[in-house]
Amino acid sequence: MDENVHRAITMGLRLRGVDVLTVQEDKRSGVTDPEVLDRATELGRPLFSQDDDLLAEACDRQTEGISFPGLIYAHQLHVTIGDCIRDLEMIAKAAEPADLENRVEFLPL
């Protein structure tokens, strides 16, 4: 989870048995978007964000052919917390990490 994701999304996913790691728990609060995406790559974990700048970073990496584990993006004003939880749970339980590599997925599904 990126730094600015609503805590209710993280908690809702955990209540549904989804393994979630937040930027804060990884002691990466305040790092730049490229560093957040680099860390997700290092860990081999797709990243969820509602940050337009992080979306731009992922799109730049796609264009430049720089590998990353995938970004799932939801605009804060266009998707509810409940929709995020539902769609992220579905992705977590149905997709393999390789399915998301170098991709940007948009919520709602």
PDB file of N, CA and C in Angstrom:
ATOM      1  N   MET A   1       0.838  -1.183   0.000  1.00  0.00           N
ATOM      2  CA  MET A   1       0.000   0.000   0.000  1.00  0.00           C
ATOM      3  C   MET A   1       0.882   1.244   0.000  1.00  0.00           C
ATOM      4  N   ASP A   2       0.556   2.132  -0.892  1.00  0.00           N
ATOM      5  CA  ASP A   2       1.239   3.415  -0.922  1.00  0.00           C
ATOM      6  C   ASP A   2       0.885   4.200   0.337  1.00  0.00           C
ATOM      7  N   GLU A   3       1.637   5.224   0.591  1.00  0.00           N
ATOM      8  CA  GLU A   3       1.549   5.971   1.843  1.00  0.00           C
ATOM      9  C   GLU A   3       0.196   6.633   2.096  1.00  0.00           C
ATOM     10  N   ASN A   4      -0.472   7.106   1.066  1.00  0.00           N
ATOM     11  CA  ASN A   4      -1.688   7.891   1.267  1.00  0.00           C
ATOM     12  C   ASN A   4      -2.980   7.102   1.120  1.00  0.00           C
ATOM     13  N   VAL A   5      -2.893   5.781   1.076  1.00  0.00           N
ATOM     14  CA  VAL A   5      -4.090   4.952   0.956  1.00  0.00           C
ATOM     15  C   VAL A   5      -4.843   4.978   2.289  1.00  0.00           C
ATOM     16  N   HIS A   6      -6.152   5.129   2.216  1.00  0.00           N
ATOM     17  CA  HIS A   6      -6.994   5.188   3.414  1.00  0.00           C
ATOM     18  C   HIS A   6      -6.825   3.911   4.241  1.00  0.00           C
ATOM     19  N   ARG A   7      -6.637   4.094   5.523  1.00  0.00           N
ATOM     20  CA  ARG A   7      -6.418   2.976   6.446  1.00  0.00           C
ATOM     21  C   ARG A   7      -7.562   1.952   6.389  1.00  0.00           C
ATOM     22  N   ALA A   8      -8.776   2.402   6.117  1.00  0.00           N
ATOM     23  CA  ALA A   8      -9.920   1.485   6.059  1.00  0.00           C
ATOM     24  C   ALA A   8      -9.750   0.446   4.945  1.00  0.00           C
ATOM     25  N   ILE A   9      -9.065   0.805   3.875  1.00  0.00           N
ATOM     26  CA  ILE A   9      -8.820  -0.152   2.789  1.00  0.00           C
ATOM     27  C   ILE A   9      -7.864  -1.236   3.273  1.00  0.00           C
ATOM     28  N   THR A  10      -6.797  -0.826   3.913  1.00  0.00           N
ATOM     29  CA  THR A  10      -5.834  -1.793   4.456  1.00  0.00           C
ATOM     30  C   THR A  10      -6.505  -2.717   5.461  1.00  0.00           C
ATOM     31  N   MET A  11      -7.256  -2.153   6.374  1.00  0.00           N
ATOM     32  CA  MET A  11      -7.911  -2.966   7.410  1.00  0.00           C
ATOM     33  C   MET A  11      -8.960  -3.901   6.802  1.00  0.00           C
ATOM     34  N   GLY A  12      -9.731  -3.405   5.852  1.00  0.00           N
ATOM     35  CA  GLY A  12     -10.738  -4.238   5.202  1.00  0.00           C
ATOM     36  C   GLY A  12     -10.121  -5.436   4.495  1.00  0.00           C
ATOM     37  N   LEU A  13      -8.992  -5.218   3.847  1.00  0.00           N
ATOM     38  CA  LEU A  13      -8.309  -6.320   3.171  1.00  0.00           C
ATOM     39  C   LEU A  13      -7.765  -7.333   4.175  1.00  0.00           C
ATOM     40  N   ARG A  14      -7.200  -6.849   5.233  1.00  0.00           N
ATOM     41  CA  ARG A  14      -6.658  -7.754   6.255  1.00  0.00           C
ATOM     42  C   ARG A  14      -7.763  -8.594   6.893  1.00  0.00           C
ATOM     43  N   LEU A  15      -8.916  -7.993   7.112  1.00  0.00           N
ATOM     44  CA  LEU A  15     -10.046  -8.746   7.665  1.00  0.00           C
ATOM     45  C   LEU A  15     -10.490  -9.859   6.712  1.00  0.00           C
ATOM     46  N   ARG A  16     -10.166  -9.716   5.443  1.00  0.00           N
ATOM     47  CA  ARG A  16     -10.520 -10.725   4.439  1.00  0.00           C
ATOM     48  C   ARG A  16      -9.363 -11.674   4.131  1.00  0.00           C
ATOM     49  N   GLY A  17      -8.298 -11.591   4.936  1.00  0.00           N
ATOM     50  CA  GLY A  17      -7.178 -12.514   4.798  1.00  0.00           C
ATOM     51  C   GLY A  17      -6.168 -12.164   3.724  1.00  0.00           C
ATOM     52  N   VAL A  18      -6.163 -10.916   3.274  1.00  0.00           N
ATOM     53  CA  VAL A  18      -5.212 -10.489   2.248  1.00  0.00           C
ATOM     54  C   VAL A  18      -3.944  -9.969   2.920  1.00  0.00           C
ATOM     55  N   ASP A  19      -2.798 -10.456   2.458  1.00  0.00           N
ATOM     56  CA  ASP A  19      -1.494 -10.033   2.971  1.00  0.00           C
ATOM     57  C   ASP A  19      -1.189  -8.636   2.438  1.00  0.00           C
ATOM     58  N   VAL A  20      -1.112  -7.676   3.340  1.00  0.00           N
ATOM     59  CA  VAL A  20      -0.893  -6.278   2.965  1.00  0.00           C
ATOM     60  C   VAL A  20       0.307  -5.738   3.741  1.00  0.00           C
ATOM     61  N   LEU A  21       1.166  -4.996   3.053  1.00  0.00           N
ATOM     62  CA  LEU A  21       2.277  -4.294   3.675  1.00  0.00           C
ATOM     63  C   LEU A  21       2.161  -2.830   3.277  1.00  0.00           C
ATOM     64  N   THR A  22       2.139  -1.946   4.267  1.00  0.00           N
ATOM     65  CA  THR A  22       2.052  -0.514   3.972  1.00  0.00           C
ATOM     66  C   THR A  22       3.450   0.100   3.935  1.00  0.00           C
ATOM     67  N   VAL A  23       3.552   1.222   3.251  1.00  0.00           N
ATOM     68  CA  VAL A  23       4.807   1.970   3.213  1.00  0.00           C
ATOM     69  C   VAL A  23       5.247   2.310   4.640  1.00  0.00           C
ATOM     70  N   GLN A  24       4.288   2.675   5.478  1.00  0.00           N
ATOM     71  CA  GLN A  24       4.619   3.039   6.854  1.00  0.00           C
ATOM     72  C   GLN A  24       5.200   1.846   7.625  1.00  0.00           C
ATOM     73  N   GLU A  25       4.589   0.680   7.469  1.00  0.00           N
ATOM     74  CA  GLU A  25       5.081  -0.513   8.162  1.00  0.00           C
ATOM     75  C   GLU A  25       6.466  -0.919   7.663  1.00  0.00           C
ATOM     76  N   ASP A  26       6.746  -0.610   6.417  1.00  0.00           N
ATOM     77  CA  ASP A  26       8.048  -0.917   5.826  1.00  0.00           C
ATOM     78  C   ASP A  26       9.077   0.173   6.136  1.00  0.00           C
ATOM     79  N   LYS A  27       8.674   1.108   6.980  1.00  0.00           N
ATOM     80  CA  LYS A  27       9.543   2.222   7.407  1.00  0.00           C
ATOM     81  C   LYS A  27      10.075   3.026   6.218  1.00  0.00           C
ATOM     82  N   ARG A  28       9.154   3.300   5.272  1.00  0.00           N
ATOM     83  CA  ARG A  28       9.507   4.068   4.084  1.00  0.00           C
ATOM     84  C   ARG A  28       8.673   5.337   3.947  1.00  0.00           C
ATOM     85  N   SER A  29       8.068   5.783   5.025  1.00  0.00           N
ATOM     86  CA  SER A  29       7.261   7.007   4.974  1.00  0.00           C
ATOM     87  C   SER A  29       8.099   8.168   4.477  1.00  0.00           C
ATOM     88  N   GLY A  30       7.511   8.950   3.578  1.00  0.00           N
ATOM     89  CA  GLY A  30       8.169  10.157   3.095  1.00  0.00           C
ATOM     90  C   GLY A  30       9.149   9.943   1.957  1.00  0.00           C
ATOM     91  N   VAL A  31       9.338   8.706   1.491  1.00  0.00           N
ATOM     92  CA  VAL A  31      10.265   8.498   0.377  1.00  0.00           C
ATOM     93  C   VAL A  31       9.583   8.886  -0.936  1.00  0.00           C
ATOM     94  N   THR A  32      10.375   9.073  -1.945  1.00  0.00           N
ATOM     95  CA  THR A  32       9.850   9.497  -3.241  1.00  0.00           C
ATOM     96  C   THR A  32       9.081   8.358  -3.925  1.00  0.00           C
ATOM     97  N   ASP A  33       8.251   8.729  -4.897  1.00  0.00           N
ATOM     98  CA  ASP A  33       7.487   7.725  -5.645  1.00  0.00           C
ATOM     99  C   ASP A  33       8.395   6.708  -6.334  1.00  0.00           C
ATOM    100  N   PRO A  34       9.483   7.138  -6.996  1.00  0.00           N
ATOM    101  CA  PRO A  34      10.373   6.132  -7.591  1.00  0.00           C
ATOM    102  C   PRO A  34      10.946   5.165  -6.540  1.00  0.00           C
ATOM    103  N   GLU A  35      11.239   5.672  -5.356  1.00  0.00           N
ATOM    104  CA  GLU A  35      11.757   4.796  -4.297  1.00  0.00           C
ATOM    105  C   GLU A  35      10.694   3.808  -3.821  1.00  0.00           C
ATOM    106  N   VAL A  36       9.449   4.256  -3.750  1.00  0.00           N
ATOM    107  CA  VAL A  36       8.358   3.357  -3.350  1.00  0.00           C
ATOM    108  C   VAL A  36       8.219   2.237  -4.379  1.00  0.00           C
ATOM    109  N   LEU A  37       8.250   2.581  -5.644  1.00  0.00           N
ATOM    110  CA  LEU A  37       8.124   1.573  -6.695  1.00  0.00           C
ATOM    111  C   LEU A  37       9.361   0.668  -6.743  1.00  0.00           C
ATOM    112  N   ASP A  38      10.535   1.228  -6.493  1.00  0.00           N
ATOM    113  CA  ASP A  38      11.752   0.411  -6.416  1.00  0.00           C
ATOM    114  C   ASP A  38      11.647  -0.599  -5.275  1.00  0.00           C
ATOM    115  N   ARG A  39      11.126  -0.161  -4.131  1.00  0.00           N
ATOM    116  CA  ARG A  39      10.991  -1.059  -2.985  1.00  0.00           C
ATOM    117  C   ARG A  39       9.974  -2.163  -3.281  1.00  0.00           C
ATOM    118  N   ALA A  40       8.865  -1.825  -3.911  1.00  0.00           N
ATOM    119  CA  ALA A  40       7.887  -2.838  -4.293  1.00  0.00           C
ATOM    120  C   ALA A  40       8.533  -3.860  -5.229  1.00  0.00           C
ATOM    121  N   THR A  41       9.379  -3.381  -6.126  1.00  0.00           N
ATOM    122  CA  THR A  41      10.092  -4.266  -7.051  1.00  0.00           C
ATOM    123  C   THR A  41      11.030  -5.180  -6.278  1.00  0.00           C
ATOM    124  N   GLU A  42      11.765  -4.604  -5.345  1.00  0.00           N
ATOM    125  CA  GLU A  42      12.692  -5.378  -4.516  1.00  0.00           C
ATOM    126  C   GLU A  42      11.958  -6.489  -3.767  1.00  0.00           C
ATOM    127  N   LEU A  43      10.774  -6.180  -3.272  1.00  0.00           N
ATOM    128  CA  LEU A  43       9.983  -7.148  -2.510  1.00  0.00           C
ATOM    129  C   LEU A  43       9.164  -8.076  -3.409  1.00  0.00           C
ATOM    130  N   GLY A  44       9.040  -7.727  -4.695  1.00  0.00           N
ATOM    131  CA  GLY A  44       8.240  -8.519  -5.623  1.00  0.00           C
ATOM    132  C   GLY A  44       6.756  -8.443  -5.323  1.00  0.00           C
ATOM    133  N   ARG A  45       6.317  -7.270  -4.836  1.00  0.00           N
ATOM    134  CA  ARG A  45       4.916  -7.090  -4.447  1.00  0.00           C
ATOM    135  C   ARG A  45       4.274  -5.998  -5.285  1.00  0.00           C
ATOM    136  N   PRO A  46       3.151  -6.289  -5.938  1.00  0.00           N
ATOM    137  CA  PRO A  46       2.418  -5.231  -6.635  1.00  0.00           C
ATOM    138  C   PRO A  46       2.015  -4.139  -5.640  1.00  0.00           C
ATOM    139  N   LEU A  47       1.865  -2.941  -6.142  1.00  0.00           N
ATOM    140  CA  LEU A  47       1.599  -1.781  -5.294  1.00  0.00           C
ATOM    141  C   LEU A  47       0.223  -1.209  -5.601  1.00  0.00           C
ATOM    142  N   PHE A  48      -0.515  -0.858  -4.554  1.00  0.00           N
ATOM    143  CA  PHE A  48      -1.778  -0.146  -4.720  1.00  0.00           C
ATOM    144  C   PHE A  48      -1.559   1.306  -4.352  1.00  0.00           C
ATOM    145  N   SER A  49      -2.066   2.208  -5.189  1.00  0.00           N
ATOM    146  CA  SER A  49      -1.907   3.637  -4.940  1.00  0.00           C
ATOM    147  C   SER A  49      -3.114   4.407  -5.450  1.00  0.00           C
ATOM    148  N   GLN A  50      -3.302   5.577  -4.855  1.00  0.00           N
ATOM    149  CA  GLN A  50      -4.298   6.531  -5.335  1.00  0.00           C
ATOM    150  C   GLN A  50      -3.618   7.854  -5.670  1.00  0.00           C
ATOM    151  N   ASP A  51      -2.322   7.784  -5.909  1.00  0.00           N
ATOM    152  CA  ASP A  51      -1.479   8.945  -6.157  1.00  0.00           C
ATOM    153  C   ASP A  51      -1.207   9.075  -7.658  1.00  0.00           C
ATOM    154  N   ASP A  52      -1.640  10.191  -8.246  1.00  0.00           N
ATOM    155  CA  ASP A  52      -1.443  10.422  -9.675  1.00  0.00           C
ATOM    156  C   ASP A  52       0.033  10.433 -10.061  1.00  0.00           C
ATOM    157  N   ASP A  53       0.895  10.935  -9.179  1.00  0.00           N
ATOM    158  CA  ASP A  53       2.328  10.985  -9.482  1.00  0.00           C
ATOM    159  C   ASP A  53       2.925   9.582  -9.557  1.00  0.00           C
ATOM    160  N   LEU A  54       2.469   8.689  -8.690  1.00  0.00           N
ATOM    161  CA  LEU A  54       2.954   7.312  -8.740  1.00  0.00           C
ATOM    162  C   LEU A  54       2.445   6.609 -10.002  1.00  0.00           C
ATOM    163  N   LEU A  55       1.230   6.912 -10.397  1.00  0.00           N
ATOM    164  CA  LEU A  55       0.696   6.392 -11.658  1.00  0.00           C
ATOM    165  C   LEU A  55       1.590   6.846 -12.813  1.00  0.00           C
ATOM    166  N   ALA A  56       1.967   8.107 -12.833  1.00  0.00           N
ATOM    167  CA  ALA A  56       2.840   8.634 -13.887  1.00  0.00           C
ATOM    168  C   ALA A  56       4.194   7.923 -13.876  1.00  0.00           C
ATOM    169  N   GLU A  57       4.724   7.657 -12.691  1.00  0.00           N
ATOM    170  CA  GLU A  57       6.005   6.945 -12.581  1.00  0.00           C
ATOM    171  C   GLU A  57       5.895   5.541 -13.177  1.00  0.00           C
ATOM    172  N   ALA A  58       4.816   4.836 -12.870  1.00  0.00           N
ATOM    173  CA  ALA A  58       4.627   3.483 -13.412  1.00  0.00           C
ATOM    174  C   ALA A  58       4.488   3.532 -14.931  1.00  0.00           C
ATOM    175  N   CYS A  59       3.751   4.508 -15.433  1.00  0.00           N
ATOM    176  CA  CYS A  59       3.586   4.647 -16.893  1.00  0.00           C
ATOM    177  C   CYS A  59       4.915   4.962 -17.565  1.00  0.00           C
ATOM    178  N   ASP A  60       5.739   5.800 -16.931  1.00  0.00           N
ATOM    179  CA  ASP A  60       7.076   6.098 -17.456  1.00  0.00           C
ATOM    180  C   ASP A  60       7.912   4.828 -17.527  1.00  0.00           C
ATOM    181  N   ARG A  61       7.815   3.992 -16.499  1.00  0.00           N
ATOM    182  CA  ARG A  61       8.590   2.737 -16.492  1.00  0.00           C
ATOM    183  C   ARG A  61       8.115   1.803 -17.595  1.00  0.00           C
ATOM    184  N   GLN A  62       6.826   1.783 -17.838  1.00  0.00           N
ATOM    185  CA  GLN A  62       6.324   0.966 -18.946  1.00  0.00           C
ATOM    186  C   GLN A  62       6.921   1.445 -20.268  1.00  0.00           C
ATOM    187  N   THR A  63       6.901   2.748 -20.483  1.00  0.00           N
ATOM    188  CA  THR A  63       7.413   3.336 -21.718  1.00  0.00           C
ATOM    189  C   THR A  63       8.903   3.066 -21.892  1.00  0.00           C
ATOM    190  N   GLU A  64       9.637   3.136 -20.780  1.00  0.00           N
ATOM    191  CA  GLU A  64      11.092   2.960 -20.825  1.00  0.00           C
ATOM    192  C   GLU A  64      11.523   1.500 -20.714  1.00  0.00           C
ATOM    193  N   GLY A  65      10.573   0.595 -20.525  1.00  0.00           N
ATOM    194  CA  GLY A  65      10.902  -0.826 -20.415  1.00  0.00           C
ATOM    195  C   GLY A  65      11.591  -1.199 -19.117  1.00  0.00           C
ATOM    196  N   ILE A  66      11.321  -0.438 -18.055  1.00  0.00           N
ATOM    197  CA  ILE A  66      11.894  -0.725 -16.737  1.00  0.00           C
ATOM    198  C   ILE A  66      10.909  -1.596 -15.973  1.00  0.00           C
ATOM    199  N   SER A  67      11.368  -2.746 -15.548  1.00  0.00           N
ATOM    200  CA  SER A  67      10.497  -3.718 -14.892  1.00  0.00           C
ATOM    201  C   SER A  67      10.030  -3.232 -13.513  1.00  0.00           C
ATOM    202  N   PHE A  68       8.772  -3.533 -13.204  1.00  0.00           N
ATOM    203  CA  PHE A  68       8.207  -3.275 -11.884  1.00  0.00           C
ATOM    204  C   PHE A  68       7.112  -4.313 -11.649  1.00  0.00           C
ATOM    205  N   PRO A  69       6.734  -4.546 -10.389  1.00  0.00           N
ATOM    206  CA  PRO A  69       5.826  -5.663 -10.092  1.00  0.00           C
ATOM    207  C   PRO A  69       4.350  -5.385 -10.366  1.00  0.00           C
ATOM    208  N   GLY A  70       4.038  -4.228 -10.867  1.00  0.00           N
ATOM    209  CA  GLY A  70       2.656  -3.884 -11.162  1.00  0.00           C
ATOM    210  C   GLY A  70       2.120  -2.824 -10.232  1.00  0.00           C
ATOM    211  N   LEU A  71       1.230  -2.010 -10.758  1.00  0.00           N
ATOM    212  CA  LEU A  71       0.574  -0.963  -9.977  1.00  0.00           C
ATOM    213  C   LEU A  71      -0.925  -1.099 -10.172  1.00  0.00           C
ATOM    214  N   ILE A  72      -1.638  -1.072  -9.072  1.00  0.00           N
ATOM    215  CA  ILE A  72      -3.096  -1.025  -9.109  1.00  0.00           C
ATOM    216  C   ILE A  72      -3.464   0.383  -8.652  1.00  0.00           C
ATOM    217  N   TYR A  73      -4.198   1.088  -9.482  1.00  0.00           N
ATOM    218  CA  TYR A  73      -4.481   2.496  -9.234  1.00  0.00           C
ATOM    219  C   TYR A  73      -5.986   2.735  -9.158  1.00  0.00           C
ATOM    220  N   ALA A  74      -6.372   3.565  -8.202  1.00  0.00           N
ATOM    221  CA  ALA A  74      -7.761   4.009  -8.088  1.00  0.00           C
ATOM    222  C   ALA A  74      -7.759   5.497  -7.768  1.00  0.00           C
ATOM    223  N   HIS A  75      -8.478   6.266  -8.553  1.00  0.00           N
ATOM    224  CA  HIS A  75      -8.609   7.698  -8.280  1.00  0.00           C
ATOM    225  C   HIS A  75      -9.462   7.865  -7.024  1.00  0.00           C
ATOM    226  N   GLN A  76      -9.026   8.718  -6.109  1.00  0.00           N
ATOM    227  CA  GLN A  76      -9.710   8.885  -4.821  1.00  0.00           C
ATOM    228  C   GLN A  76     -11.158   9.326  -4.960  1.00  0.00           C
ATOM    229  N   LEU A  77     -11.474  10.081  -5.982  1.00  0.00           N
ATOM    230  CA  LEU A  77     -12.824  10.616  -6.125  1.00  0.00           C
ATOM    231  C   LEU A  77     -13.744   9.749  -6.975  1.00  0.00           C
ATOM    232  N   HIS A  78     -13.190   8.716  -7.617  1.00  0.00           N
ATOM    233  CA  HIS A  78     -13.983   7.933  -8.556  1.00  0.00           C
ATOM    234  C   HIS A  78     -14.245   6.497  -8.124  1.00  0.00           C
ATOM    235  N   VAL A  79     -13.823   6.135  -6.924  1.00  0.00           N
ATOM    236  CA  VAL A  79     -14.045   4.774  -6.440  1.00  0.00           C
ATOM    237  C   VAL A  79     -14.211   4.820  -4.924  1.00  0.00           C
ATOM    238  N   THR A  80     -15.141   4.031  -4.417  1.00  0.00           N
ATOM    239  CA  THR A  80     -15.379   4.015  -2.970  1.00  0.00           C
ATOM    240  C   THR A  80     -14.376   3.106  -2.258  1.00  0.00           C
ATOM    241  N   ILE A  81     -14.285   3.278  -0.968  1.00  0.00           N
ATOM    242  CA  ILE A  81     -13.432   2.408  -0.159  1.00  0.00           C
ATOM    243  C   ILE A  81     -13.903   0.961  -0.302  1.00  0.00           C
ATOM    244  N   GLY A  82     -15.196   0.751  -0.248  1.00  0.00           N
ATOM    245  CA  GLY A  82     -15.743  -0.596  -0.387  1.00  0.00           C
ATOM    246  C   GLY A  82     -15.406  -1.227  -1.729  1.00  0.00           C
ATOM    247  N   ASP A  83     -15.496  -0.449  -2.795  1.00  0.00           N
ATOM    248  CA  ASP A  83     -15.135  -0.964  -4.118  1.00  0.00           C
ATOM    249  C   ASP A  83     -13.654  -1.324  -4.180  1.00  0.00           C
ATOM    250  N   CYS A  84     -12.808  -0.490  -3.577  1.00  0.00           N
ATOM    251  CA  CYS A  84     -11.370  -0.786  -3.540  1.00  0.00           C
ATOM    252  C   CYS A  84     -11.120  -2.107  -2.821  1.00  0.00           C
ATOM    253  N   ILE A  85     -11.738  -2.275  -1.666  1.00  0.00           N
ATOM    254  CA  ILE A  85     -11.543  -3.507  -0.897  1.00  0.00           C
ATOM    255  C   ILE A  85     -11.999  -4.719  -1.715  1.00  0.00           C
ATOM    256  N   ARG A  86     -13.179  -4.635  -2.281  1.00  0.00           N
ATOM    257  CA  ARG A  86     -13.718  -5.754  -3.067  1.00  0.00           C
ATOM    258  C   ARG A  86     -12.803  -6.103  -4.237  1.00  0.00           C
ATOM    259  N   ASP A  87     -12.407  -5.100  -5.013  1.00  0.00           N
ATOM    260  CA  ASP A  87     -11.609  -5.357  -6.212  1.00  0.00           C
ATOM    261  C   ASP A  87     -10.191  -5.799  -5.862  1.00  0.00           C
ATOM    262  N   LEU A  88      -9.599  -5.196  -4.845  1.00  0.00           N
ATOM    263  CA  LEU A  88      -8.252  -5.603  -4.445  1.00  0.00           C
ATOM    264  C   LEU A  88      -8.238  -7.021  -3.885  1.00  0.00           C
ATOM    265  N   GLU A  89      -9.275  -7.386  -3.133  1.00  0.00           N
ATOM    266  CA  GLU A  89      -9.370  -8.760  -2.635  1.00  0.00           C
ATOM    267  C   GLU A  89      -9.461  -9.736  -3.810  1.00  0.00           C
ATOM    268  N   MET A  90     -10.267  -9.404  -4.793  1.00  0.00           N
ATOM    269  CA  MET A  90     -10.425 -10.269  -5.959  1.00  0.00           C
ATOM    270  C   MET A  90      -9.078 -10.443  -6.676  1.00  0.00           C
ATOM    271  N   ILE A  91      -8.367  -9.351  -6.879  1.00  0.00           N
ATOM    272  CA  ILE A  91      -7.061  -9.412  -7.542  1.00  0.00           C
ATOM    273  C   ILE A  91      -6.092 -10.249  -6.711  1.00  0.00           C
ATOM    274  N   ALA A  92      -6.044 -10.003  -5.405  1.00  0.00           N
ATOM    275  CA  ALA A  92      -5.105 -10.714  -4.530  1.00  0.00           C
ATOM    276  C   ALA A  92      -5.360 -12.213  -4.519  1.00  0.00           C
ATOM    277  N   LYS A  93      -6.612 -12.599  -4.584  1.00  0.00           N
ATOM    278  CA  LYS A  93      -6.949 -14.019  -4.478  1.00  0.00           C
ATOM    279  C   LYS A  93      -6.992 -14.735  -5.824  1.00  0.00           C
ATOM    280  N   ALA A  94      -7.127 -13.992  -6.907  1.00  0.00           N
ATOM    281  CA  ALA A  94      -7.258 -14.638  -8.214  1.00  0.00           C
ATOM    282  C   ALA A  94      -6.023 -14.510  -9.099  1.00  0.00           C
ATOM    283  N   ALA A  95      -5.223 -13.496  -8.887  1.00  0.00           N
ATOM    284  CA  ALA A  95      -4.078 -13.237  -9.769  1.00  0.00           C
ATOM    285  C   ALA A  95      -2.784 -13.753  -9.152  1.00  0.00           C
ATOM    286  N   GLU A  96      -1.883 -14.133 -10.004  1.00  0.00           N
ATOM    287  CA  GLU A  96      -0.514 -14.450  -9.604  1.00  0.00           C
ATOM    288  C   GLU A  96       0.310 -13.173  -9.775  1.00  0.00           C
ATOM    289  N   PRO A  97       1.374 -13.001  -8.977  1.00  0.00           N
ATOM    290  CA  PRO A  97       2.202 -11.798  -9.139  1.00  0.00           C
ATOM    291  C   PRO A  97       2.655 -11.560 -10.577  1.00  0.00           C
ATOM    292  N   ALA A  98       2.976 -12.625 -11.295  1.00  0.00           N
ATOM    293  CA  ALA A  98       3.430 -12.472 -12.686  1.00  0.00           C
ATOM    294  C   ALA A  98       2.341 -11.882 -13.587  1.00  0.00           C
ATOM    295  N   ASP A  99       1.068 -12.079 -13.206  1.00  0.00           N
ATOM    296  CA  ASP A  99      -0.036 -11.529 -14.000  1.00  0.00           C
ATOM    297  C   ASP A  99      -0.038 -10.000 -13.987  1.00  0.00           C
ATOM    298  N   LEU A 100       0.553  -9.410 -12.953  1.00  0.00           N
ATOM    299  CA  LEU A 100       0.525  -7.949 -12.797  1.00  0.00           C
ATOM    300  C   LEU A 100       1.830  -7.273 -13.201  1.00  0.00           C
ATOM    301  N   GLU A 101       2.881  -8.057 -13.426  1.00  0.00           N
ATOM    302  CA  GLU A 101       4.185  -7.490 -13.748  1.00  0.00           C
ATOM    303  C   GLU A 101       4.112  -6.502 -14.898  1.00  0.00           C
ATOM    304  N   ASN A 102       4.706  -5.330 -14.667  1.00  0.00           N
ATOM    305  CA  ASN A 102       4.827  -4.278 -15.678  1.00  0.00           C
ATOM    306  C   ASN A 102       3.484  -3.779 -16.203  1.00  0.00           C
ATOM    307  N   ARG A 103       2.451  -3.957 -15.411  1.00  0.00           N
ATOM    308  CA  ARG A 103       1.105  -3.524 -15.811  1.00  0.00           C
ATOM    309  C   ARG A 103       0.576  -2.481 -14.838  1.00  0.00           C
ATOM    310  N   VAL A 104      -0.359  -1.697 -15.326  1.00  0.00           N
ATOM    311  CA  VAL A 104      -1.144  -0.794 -14.483  1.00  0.00           C
ATOM    312  C   VAL A 104      -2.582  -1.235 -14.620  1.00  0.00           C
ATOM    313  N   GLU A 105      -3.197  -1.560 -13.499  1.00  0.00           N
ATOM    314  CA  GLU A 105      -4.606  -1.931 -13.461  1.00  0.00           C
ATOM    315  C   GLU A 105      -5.375  -0.795 -12.800  1.00  0.00           C
ATOM    316  N   PHE A 106      -6.538  -0.492 -13.314  1.00  0.00           N
ATOM    317  CA  PHE A 106      -7.344   0.604 -12.785  1.00  0.00           C
ATOM    318  C   PHE A 106      -8.574   0.057 -12.075  1.00  0.00           C
ATOM    319  N   LEU A 107      -8.882   0.637 -10.921  1.00  0.00           N
ATOM    320  CA  LEU A 107     -10.097   0.322 -10.188  1.00  0.00           C
ATOM    321  C   LEU A 107     -11.083   1.472 -10.388  1.00  0.00           C
ATOM    322  N   PRO A 108     -12.380   1.189 -10.420  1.00  0.00           N
ATOM    323  CA  PRO A 108     -12.981  -0.119 -10.215  1.00  0.00           C
ATOM    324  C   PRO A 108     -12.788  -0.997 -11.444  1.00  0.00           C
ATOM    325  N   LEU A 109     -12.815  -2.326 -11.185  1.00  0.00           N
ATOM    326  CA  LEU A 109     -12.642  -3.294 -12.271  1.00  0.00           C
ATOM    327  C   LEU A 109     -13.811  -3.242 -13.229  1.00  0.00           C
TER     328      LEU A 109
END
